[in-house]
Amino acid sequence: MKKATIYTNANCGYCTTIKNKFKEKEVEFIEKERAEYTTEWMQVSRLTGLPTFPTIEFNGNYYVPGRDYNNPDQIVDHIKHFYNDMDGDYPNDIKLLEAVKTLTYTLTSAFTRLNQDLQQLKQQTNGNKSTD
């Protein structure tokens, strides 16, 4: 299996959790800490549009927490299941793919927040009507 690259931040507890899960499940990885790989990290965060740790690169694909995975088991299982026997020759449309994934995530998050705000306004409006 190819090695994953985990982009981390020194004080990131979730980064430690992810690294421990990779070790536990015997998924090989290279850690690249932001302070040491500043230029590379800036390129990755520009590419994904989300400067979030730990971002994982595997086989030319980028995985951002909250957007592409929600817990350590999910990302480890994904990598082990889908990429165990792949060679890794992918077309260079990665920028487009990452932009679409980020846009989808951003829109979903925005609509979720908007819906929550609208529900609060609805409750406040209904509460004001009963006191009139």
N, C-alpha and C. Protein backbone atom coordinates (compact mmCIF):
# COMPACT_ATOMS: atom_id res chain seq x y z
N MET A 1 0.85 -1.18 0.00
CA MET A 1 0.00 0.00 0.00
C MET A 1 0.89 1.24 0.00
N LYS A 2 0.49 2.23 -0.74
CA LYS A 2 1.20 3.49 -0.74
C LYS A 2 1.06 4.16 0.63
N LYS A 3 1.98 5.08 0.90
CA LYS A 3 1.91 5.82 2.16
C LYS A 3 1.02 7.05 1.99
N ALA A 4 0.25 7.31 3.02
CA ALA A 4 -0.55 8.53 3.08
C ALA A 4 0.34 9.64 3.63
N THR A 5 -0.01 10.86 3.33
CA THR A 5 0.65 12.02 3.94
C THR A 5 -0.36 12.71 4.83
N ILE A 6 0.01 12.90 6.09
CA ILE A 6 -0.88 13.57 7.03
C ILE A 6 -0.26 14.93 7.35
N TYR A 7 -0.97 15.99 6.98
CA TYR A 7 -0.54 17.35 7.30
C TYR A 7 -1.08 17.69 8.67
N THR A 8 -0.17 18.04 9.58
CA THR A 8 -0.55 18.24 10.98
C THR A 8 -0.12 19.62 11.47
N ASN A 9 -0.63 19.94 12.65
CA ASN A 9 -0.24 21.15 13.36
C ASN A 9 0.23 20.70 14.74
N ALA A 10 1.25 21.33 15.27
CA ALA A 10 1.89 20.89 16.51
C ALA A 10 0.92 20.71 17.67
N ASN A 11 -0.05 21.59 17.83
CA ASN A 11 -0.95 21.53 18.99
C ASN A 11 -2.29 20.91 18.66
N CYS A 12 -2.36 20.08 17.64
CA CYS A 12 -3.61 19.50 17.17
C CYS A 12 -3.83 18.12 17.78
N GLY A 13 -4.75 18.04 18.75
CA GLY A 13 -5.06 16.77 19.38
C GLY A 13 -5.69 15.78 18.42
N TYR A 14 -6.53 16.28 17.50
CA TYR A 14 -7.17 15.40 16.52
C TYR A 14 -6.13 14.80 15.57
N CYS A 15 -5.06 15.56 15.29
CA CYS A 15 -3.97 15.03 14.47
C CYS A 15 -3.34 13.81 15.15
N THR A 16 -3.12 13.91 16.44
CA THR A 16 -2.56 12.79 17.20
C THR A 16 -3.49 11.60 17.17
N THR A 17 -4.78 11.85 17.31
CA THR A 17 -5.78 10.76 17.27
C THR A 17 -5.74 10.06 15.92
N ILE A 18 -5.69 10.84 14.84
CA ILE A 18 -5.64 10.27 13.49
C ILE A 18 -4.36 9.44 13.30
N LYS A 19 -3.22 9.99 13.72
CA LYS A 19 -1.95 9.26 13.57
C LYS A 19 -1.97 7.96 14.36
N ASN A 20 -2.52 8.00 15.57
CA ASN A 20 -2.61 6.78 16.37
C ASN A 20 -3.50 5.73 15.71
N LYS A 21 -4.59 6.17 15.09
CA LYS A 21 -5.49 5.25 14.41
C LYS A 21 -4.80 4.63 13.20
N PHE A 22 -4.05 5.44 12.46
CA PHE A 22 -3.31 4.91 11.31
C PHE A 22 -2.32 3.84 11.78
N LYS A 23 -1.61 4.12 12.88
CA LYS A 23 -0.65 3.14 13.41
C LYS A 23 -1.37 1.87 13.85
N GLU A 24 -2.48 2.05 14.57
CA GLU A 24 -3.25 0.90 15.06
C GLU A 24 -3.74 0.01 13.91
N LYS A 25 -4.16 0.63 12.83
CA LYS A 25 -4.71 -0.12 11.68
C LYS A 25 -3.64 -0.45 10.63
N GLU A 26 -2.37 -0.14 10.98
CA GLU A 26 -1.23 -0.45 10.13
C GLU A 26 -1.32 0.19 8.74
N VAL A 27 -1.71 1.45 8.73
CA VAL A 27 -1.71 2.24 7.51
C VAL A 27 -0.46 3.12 7.56
N GLU A 28 0.42 2.92 6.60
CA GLU A 28 1.68 3.68 6.59
C GLU A 28 1.42 5.12 6.21
N PHE A 29 2.16 6.03 6.86
CA PHE A 29 1.99 7.44 6.57
C PHE A 29 3.27 8.21 6.82
N ILE A 30 3.31 9.37 6.20
CA ILE A 30 4.37 10.35 6.43
C ILE A 30 3.69 11.55 7.06
N GLU A 31 4.25 12.04 8.14
CA GLU A 31 3.70 13.24 8.77
C GLU A 31 4.45 14.46 8.28
N LYS A 32 3.69 15.49 7.93
CA LYS A 32 4.28 16.76 7.53
C LYS A 32 3.66 17.85 8.40
N GLU A 33 4.45 18.31 9.35
CA GLU A 33 3.99 19.32 10.30
C GLU A 33 4.05 20.70 9.64
N ARG A 34 3.00 21.47 9.84
CA ARG A 34 2.84 22.77 9.18
C ARG A 34 4.06 23.67 9.31
N ALA A 35 4.63 23.77 10.47
CA ALA A 35 5.76 24.68 10.69
C ALA A 35 6.98 24.28 9.86
N GLU A 36 7.17 23.01 9.64
CA GLU A 36 8.32 22.53 8.88
C GLU A 36 8.06 22.55 7.37
N TYR A 37 6.81 22.36 6.98
CA TYR A 37 6.43 22.30 5.55
C TYR A 37 5.47 23.43 5.21
N THR A 38 5.83 24.64 5.59
CA THR A 38 4.94 25.79 5.45
C THR A 38 4.50 26.02 4.02
N THR A 39 5.43 26.05 3.09
CA THR A 39 5.08 26.32 1.69
C THR A 39 4.18 25.22 1.12
N GLU A 40 4.53 23.99 1.39
CA GLU A 40 3.72 22.86 0.90
C GLU A 40 2.32 22.91 1.51
N TRP A 41 2.25 23.19 2.83
CA TRP A 41 0.94 23.28 3.48
C TRP A 41 0.10 24.40 2.88
N MET A 42 0.71 25.52 2.59
CA MET A 42 -0.03 26.63 1.99
C MET A 42 -0.60 26.22 0.63
N GLN A 43 0.15 25.46 -0.14
CA GLN A 43 -0.34 24.97 -1.43
C GLN A 43 -1.51 24.02 -1.24
N VAL A 44 -1.40 23.12 -0.27
CA VAL A 44 -2.48 22.17 -0.01
C VAL A 44 -3.74 22.90 0.46
N SER A 45 -3.59 23.84 1.37
CA SER A 45 -4.77 24.54 1.88
C SER A 45 -5.41 25.41 0.81
N ARG A 46 -4.61 25.97 -0.10
CA ARG A 46 -5.19 26.71 -1.23
C ARG A 46 -5.93 25.77 -2.17
N LEU A 47 -5.37 24.60 -2.40
CA LEU A 47 -5.98 23.61 -3.28
C LEU A 47 -7.32 23.15 -2.74
N THR A 48 -7.37 22.80 -1.47
CA THR A 48 -8.62 22.29 -0.89
C THR A 48 -9.58 23.40 -0.52
N GLY A 49 -9.05 24.59 -0.27
CA GLY A 49 -9.90 25.71 0.13
C GLY A 49 -10.26 25.68 1.60
N LEU A 50 -9.71 24.73 2.34
CA LEU A 50 -10.00 24.59 3.77
C LEU A 50 -8.70 24.33 4.53
N PRO A 51 -8.17 25.31 5.22
CA PRO A 51 -6.93 25.12 5.97
C PRO A 51 -7.20 24.41 7.30
N THR A 52 -7.55 23.14 7.21
CA THR A 52 -7.99 22.38 8.38
C THR A 52 -7.05 21.19 8.61
N PHE A 53 -6.73 20.95 9.89
CA PHE A 53 -5.88 19.83 10.26
C PHE A 53 -6.70 18.73 10.93
N PRO A 54 -6.31 17.49 10.72
CA PRO A 54 -5.31 16.99 9.82
C PRO A 54 -5.88 16.75 8.41
N THR A 55 -5.28 17.36 7.43
CA THR A 55 -5.63 17.07 6.04
C THR A 55 -4.76 15.91 5.60
N ILE A 56 -5.36 14.97 4.90
CA ILE A 56 -4.65 13.75 4.50
C ILE A 56 -4.63 13.69 2.97
N GLU A 57 -3.45 13.41 2.45
CA GLU A 57 -3.31 13.18 1.01
C GLU A 57 -3.00 11.72 0.81
N PHE A 58 -3.74 11.09 -0.10
CA PHE A 58 -3.45 9.71 -0.43
C PHE A 58 -3.76 9.48 -1.89
N ASN A 59 -2.77 9.05 -2.62
CA ASN A 59 -2.94 8.69 -4.02
C ASN A 59 -3.47 9.85 -4.86
N GLY A 60 -3.03 11.07 -4.53
CA GLY A 60 -3.44 12.23 -5.30
C GLY A 60 -4.77 12.84 -4.88
N ASN A 61 -5.40 12.29 -3.88
CA ASN A 61 -6.67 12.82 -3.37
C ASN A 61 -6.45 13.41 -1.98
N TYR A 62 -7.20 14.46 -1.69
CA TYR A 62 -7.07 15.13 -0.40
C TYR A 62 -8.33 14.91 0.41
N TYR A 63 -8.15 14.65 1.71
CA TYR A 63 -9.26 14.38 2.62
C TYR A 63 -9.18 15.37 3.78
N VAL A 64 -10.24 16.15 3.92
CA VAL A 64 -10.30 17.19 4.93
C VAL A 64 -11.34 16.79 5.97
N PRO A 65 -11.00 16.89 7.28
CA PRO A 65 -11.98 16.52 8.29
C PRO A 65 -13.23 17.39 8.20
N GLY A 66 -14.38 16.75 8.40
CA GLY A 66 -15.66 17.45 8.33
C GLY A 66 -16.21 17.52 6.92
N ARG A 67 -15.32 17.59 5.94
CA ARG A 67 -15.76 17.62 4.55
C ARG A 67 -15.75 16.21 3.96
N ASP A 68 -14.68 15.46 4.22
CA ASP A 68 -14.51 14.15 3.60
C ASP A 68 -14.56 12.98 4.59
N TYR A 69 -14.35 13.26 5.84
CA TYR A 69 -14.45 12.22 6.87
C TYR A 69 -14.84 12.86 8.19
N ASN A 70 -15.51 12.06 9.03
CA ASN A 70 -16.01 12.57 10.30
C ASN A 70 -15.37 11.93 11.52
N ASN A 71 -14.58 10.88 11.31
CA ASN A 71 -13.90 10.25 12.44
C ASN A 71 -12.71 9.44 11.92
N PRO A 72 -11.79 9.09 12.78
CA PRO A 72 -10.58 8.38 12.35
C PRO A 72 -10.87 7.04 11.67
N ASP A 73 -11.81 6.28 12.20
CA ASP A 73 -12.11 4.98 11.59
C ASP A 73 -12.60 5.14 10.15
N GLN A 74 -13.39 6.17 9.91
CA GLN A 74 -13.95 6.38 8.58
C GLN A 74 -12.85 6.62 7.54
N ILE A 75 -11.88 7.46 7.85
CA ILE A 75 -10.83 7.75 6.86
C ILE A 75 -9.89 6.55 6.70
N VAL A 76 -9.58 5.87 7.77
CA VAL A 76 -8.70 4.70 7.67
C VAL A 76 -9.39 3.60 6.85
N ASP A 77 -10.64 3.33 7.14
CA ASP A 77 -11.37 2.30 6.39
C ASP A 77 -11.48 2.68 4.91
N HIS A 78 -11.69 3.96 4.64
CA HIS A 78 -11.79 4.42 3.26
C HIS A 78 -10.48 4.15 2.51
N ILE A 79 -9.39 4.53 3.11
CA ILE A 79 -8.09 4.34 2.47
C ILE A 79 -7.80 2.86 2.28
N LYS A 80 -8.02 2.07 3.31
CA LYS A 80 -7.74 0.63 3.21
C LYS A 80 -8.64 -0.04 2.18
N HIS A 81 -9.89 0.33 2.14
CA HIS A 81 -10.85 -0.34 1.25
C HIS A 81 -10.64 0.04 -0.21
N PHE A 82 -10.56 1.32 -0.49
CA PHE A 82 -10.54 1.78 -1.87
C PHE A 82 -9.17 1.81 -2.52
N TYR A 83 -8.11 1.88 -1.74
CA TYR A 83 -6.80 2.10 -2.34
C TYR A 83 -5.77 1.03 -2.03
N ASN A 84 -6.18 -0.05 -1.47
CA ASN A 84 -5.24 -1.07 -1.05
C ASN A 84 -4.39 -1.60 -2.21
N ASP A 85 -5.00 -1.81 -3.36
CA ASP A 85 -4.28 -2.40 -4.48
C ASP A 85 -4.13 -1.49 -5.68
N MET A 86 -4.32 -0.21 -5.53
CA MET A 86 -4.26 0.70 -6.67
C MET A 86 -2.84 1.18 -6.92
N ASP A 87 -2.56 1.48 -8.18
CA ASP A 87 -1.25 1.99 -8.56
C ASP A 87 -1.14 3.49 -8.35
N GLY A 88 -2.24 4.23 -8.44
CA GLY A 88 -2.23 5.65 -8.17
C GLY A 88 -2.08 6.55 -9.37
N ASP A 89 -2.27 6.06 -10.56
CA ASP A 89 -2.19 6.91 -11.74
C ASP A 89 -3.55 7.53 -12.01
N TYR A 90 -3.69 8.79 -11.58
CA TYR A 90 -4.94 9.52 -11.75
C TYR A 90 -4.73 10.70 -12.69
N PRO A 91 -5.78 11.11 -13.38
CA PRO A 91 -5.66 12.31 -14.22
C PRO A 91 -5.41 13.55 -13.36
N ASN A 92 -4.95 14.60 -13.97
CA ASN A 92 -4.60 15.81 -13.24
C ASN A 92 -5.79 16.74 -13.04
N ASP A 93 -6.97 16.21 -12.86
CA ASP A 93 -8.15 17.02 -12.61
C ASP A 93 -8.40 17.20 -11.12
N ILE A 94 -7.35 17.04 -10.34
CA ILE A 94 -7.50 17.10 -8.88
C ILE A 94 -8.00 18.46 -8.41
N LYS A 95 -7.50 19.55 -9.00
CA LYS A 95 -7.93 20.88 -8.57
C LYS A 95 -9.44 21.04 -8.73
N LEU A 96 -9.97 20.60 -9.86
CA LEU A 96 -11.41 20.70 -10.09
C LEU A 96 -12.18 19.85 -9.09
N LEU A 97 -11.73 18.64 -8.89
CA LEU A 97 -12.41 17.75 -7.94
C LEU A 97 -12.41 18.35 -6.54
N GLU A 98 -11.26 18.85 -6.09
CA GLU A 98 -11.17 19.43 -4.75
C GLU A 98 -12.04 20.67 -4.63
N ALA A 99 -12.09 21.48 -5.69
CA ALA A 99 -12.93 22.68 -5.65
C ALA A 99 -14.40 22.31 -5.55
N VAL A 100 -14.81 21.28 -6.27
CA VAL A 100 -16.22 20.85 -6.22
C VAL A 100 -16.55 20.29 -4.84
N LYS A 101 -15.66 19.48 -4.27
CA LYS A 101 -15.92 18.93 -2.94
C LYS A 101 -16.01 20.04 -1.90
N THR A 102 -15.11 21.02 -1.98
CA THR A 102 -15.13 22.12 -1.03
C THR A 102 -16.38 22.98 -1.20
N LEU A 103 -16.75 23.25 -2.44
CA LEU A 103 -17.96 24.02 -2.71
C LEU A 103 -19.19 23.31 -2.16
N THR A 104 -19.28 22.03 -2.37
CA THR A 104 -20.40 21.25 -1.85
C THR A 104 -20.45 21.31 -0.33
N TYR A 105 -19.31 21.14 0.30
CA TYR A 105 -19.22 21.21 1.76
C TYR A 105 -19.62 22.59 2.26
N THR A 106 -19.09 23.62 1.62
CA THR A 106 -19.38 24.99 2.04
C THR A 106 -20.85 25.32 1.89
N LEU A 107 -21.44 24.95 0.76
CA LEU A 107 -22.86 25.20 0.54
C LEU A 107 -23.73 24.44 1.53
N THR A 108 -23.40 23.19 1.77
CA THR A 108 -24.17 22.40 2.73
C THR A 108 -24.10 23.02 4.12
N SER A 109 -22.90 23.43 4.52
CA SER A 109 -22.74 24.08 5.83
C SER A 109 -23.53 25.38 5.91
N ALA A 110 -23.47 26.18 4.85
CA ALA A 110 -24.19 27.46 4.84
C ALA A 110 -25.70 27.25 4.91
N PHE A 111 -26.22 26.30 4.15
CA PHE A 111 -27.65 26.04 4.18
C PHE A 111 -28.10 25.46 5.53
N THR A 112 -27.26 24.68 6.14
CA THR A 112 -27.58 24.14 7.47
C THR A 112 -27.66 25.28 8.48
N ARG A 113 -26.68 26.19 8.44
CA ARG A 113 -26.71 27.34 9.35
C ARG A 113 -27.91 28.24 9.07
N LEU A 114 -28.22 28.45 7.80
CA LEU A 114 -29.37 29.27 7.43
C LEU A 114 -30.66 28.64 7.95
N ASN A 115 -30.78 27.34 7.79
CA ASN A 115 -31.97 26.65 8.28
C ASN A 115 -32.09 26.78 9.80
N GLN A 116 -30.99 26.66 10.52
CA GLN A 116 -31.01 26.81 11.97
C GLN A 116 -31.44 28.22 12.36
N ASP A 117 -30.91 29.22 11.66
CA ASP A 117 -31.28 30.61 11.93
C ASP A 117 -32.76 30.85 11.65
N LEU A 118 -33.25 30.30 10.55
CA LEU A 118 -34.67 30.46 10.21
C LEU A 118 -35.57 29.79 11.24
N GLN A 119 -35.16 28.64 11.74
CA GLN A 119 -35.95 27.96 12.76
C GLN A 119 -36.01 28.79 14.05
N GLN A 120 -34.89 29.41 14.40
CA GLN A 120 -34.87 30.27 15.59
C GLN A 120 -35.79 31.48 15.39
N LEU A 121 -35.74 32.09 14.23
CA LEU A 121 -36.61 33.23 13.94
C LEU A 121 -38.08 32.81 13.98
N LYS A 122 -38.37 31.65 13.46
CA LYS A 122 -39.74 31.13 13.46
C LYS A 122 -40.22 30.94 14.89
N GLN A 123 -39.37 30.37 15.74
CA GLN A 123 -39.74 30.17 17.14
C GLN A 123 -39.94 31.50 17.85
N GLN A 124 -39.07 32.46 17.57
CA GLN A 124 -39.20 33.77 18.19
C GLN A 124 -40.48 34.47 17.72
N THR A 125 -40.77 34.37 16.45
CA THR A 125 -41.98 34.97 15.89
C THR A 125 -43.22 34.33 16.48
N ASN A 126 -43.24 33.03 16.59
CA ASN A 126 -44.38 32.32 17.18
C ASN A 126 -44.53 32.67 18.67
N GLY A 127 -43.40 32.86 19.35
CA GLY A 127 -43.44 33.23 20.75
C GLY A 127 -43.99 34.65 20.93
N ASN A 128 -43.64 35.55 20.04
CA ASN A 128 -44.13 36.94 20.12
C ASN A 128 -45.61 37.01 19.81
N LYS A 129 -46.13 36.17 18.96
CA LYS A 129 -47.55 36.20 18.61
C LYS A 129 -48.40 35.78 19.80
N SER A 130 -47.89 34.82 20.59
CA SER A 130 -48.69 34.33 21.71
C SER A 130 -48.71 35.33 22.86
N THR A 131 -47.76 36.26 22.94
CA THR A 131 -47.73 37.22 24.02
C THR A 131 -48.47 38.51 23.68
N ASP A 132 -48.86 38.69 22.40
CA ASP A 132 -49.56 39.91 21.97
C ASP A 132 -50.99 39.93 22.43
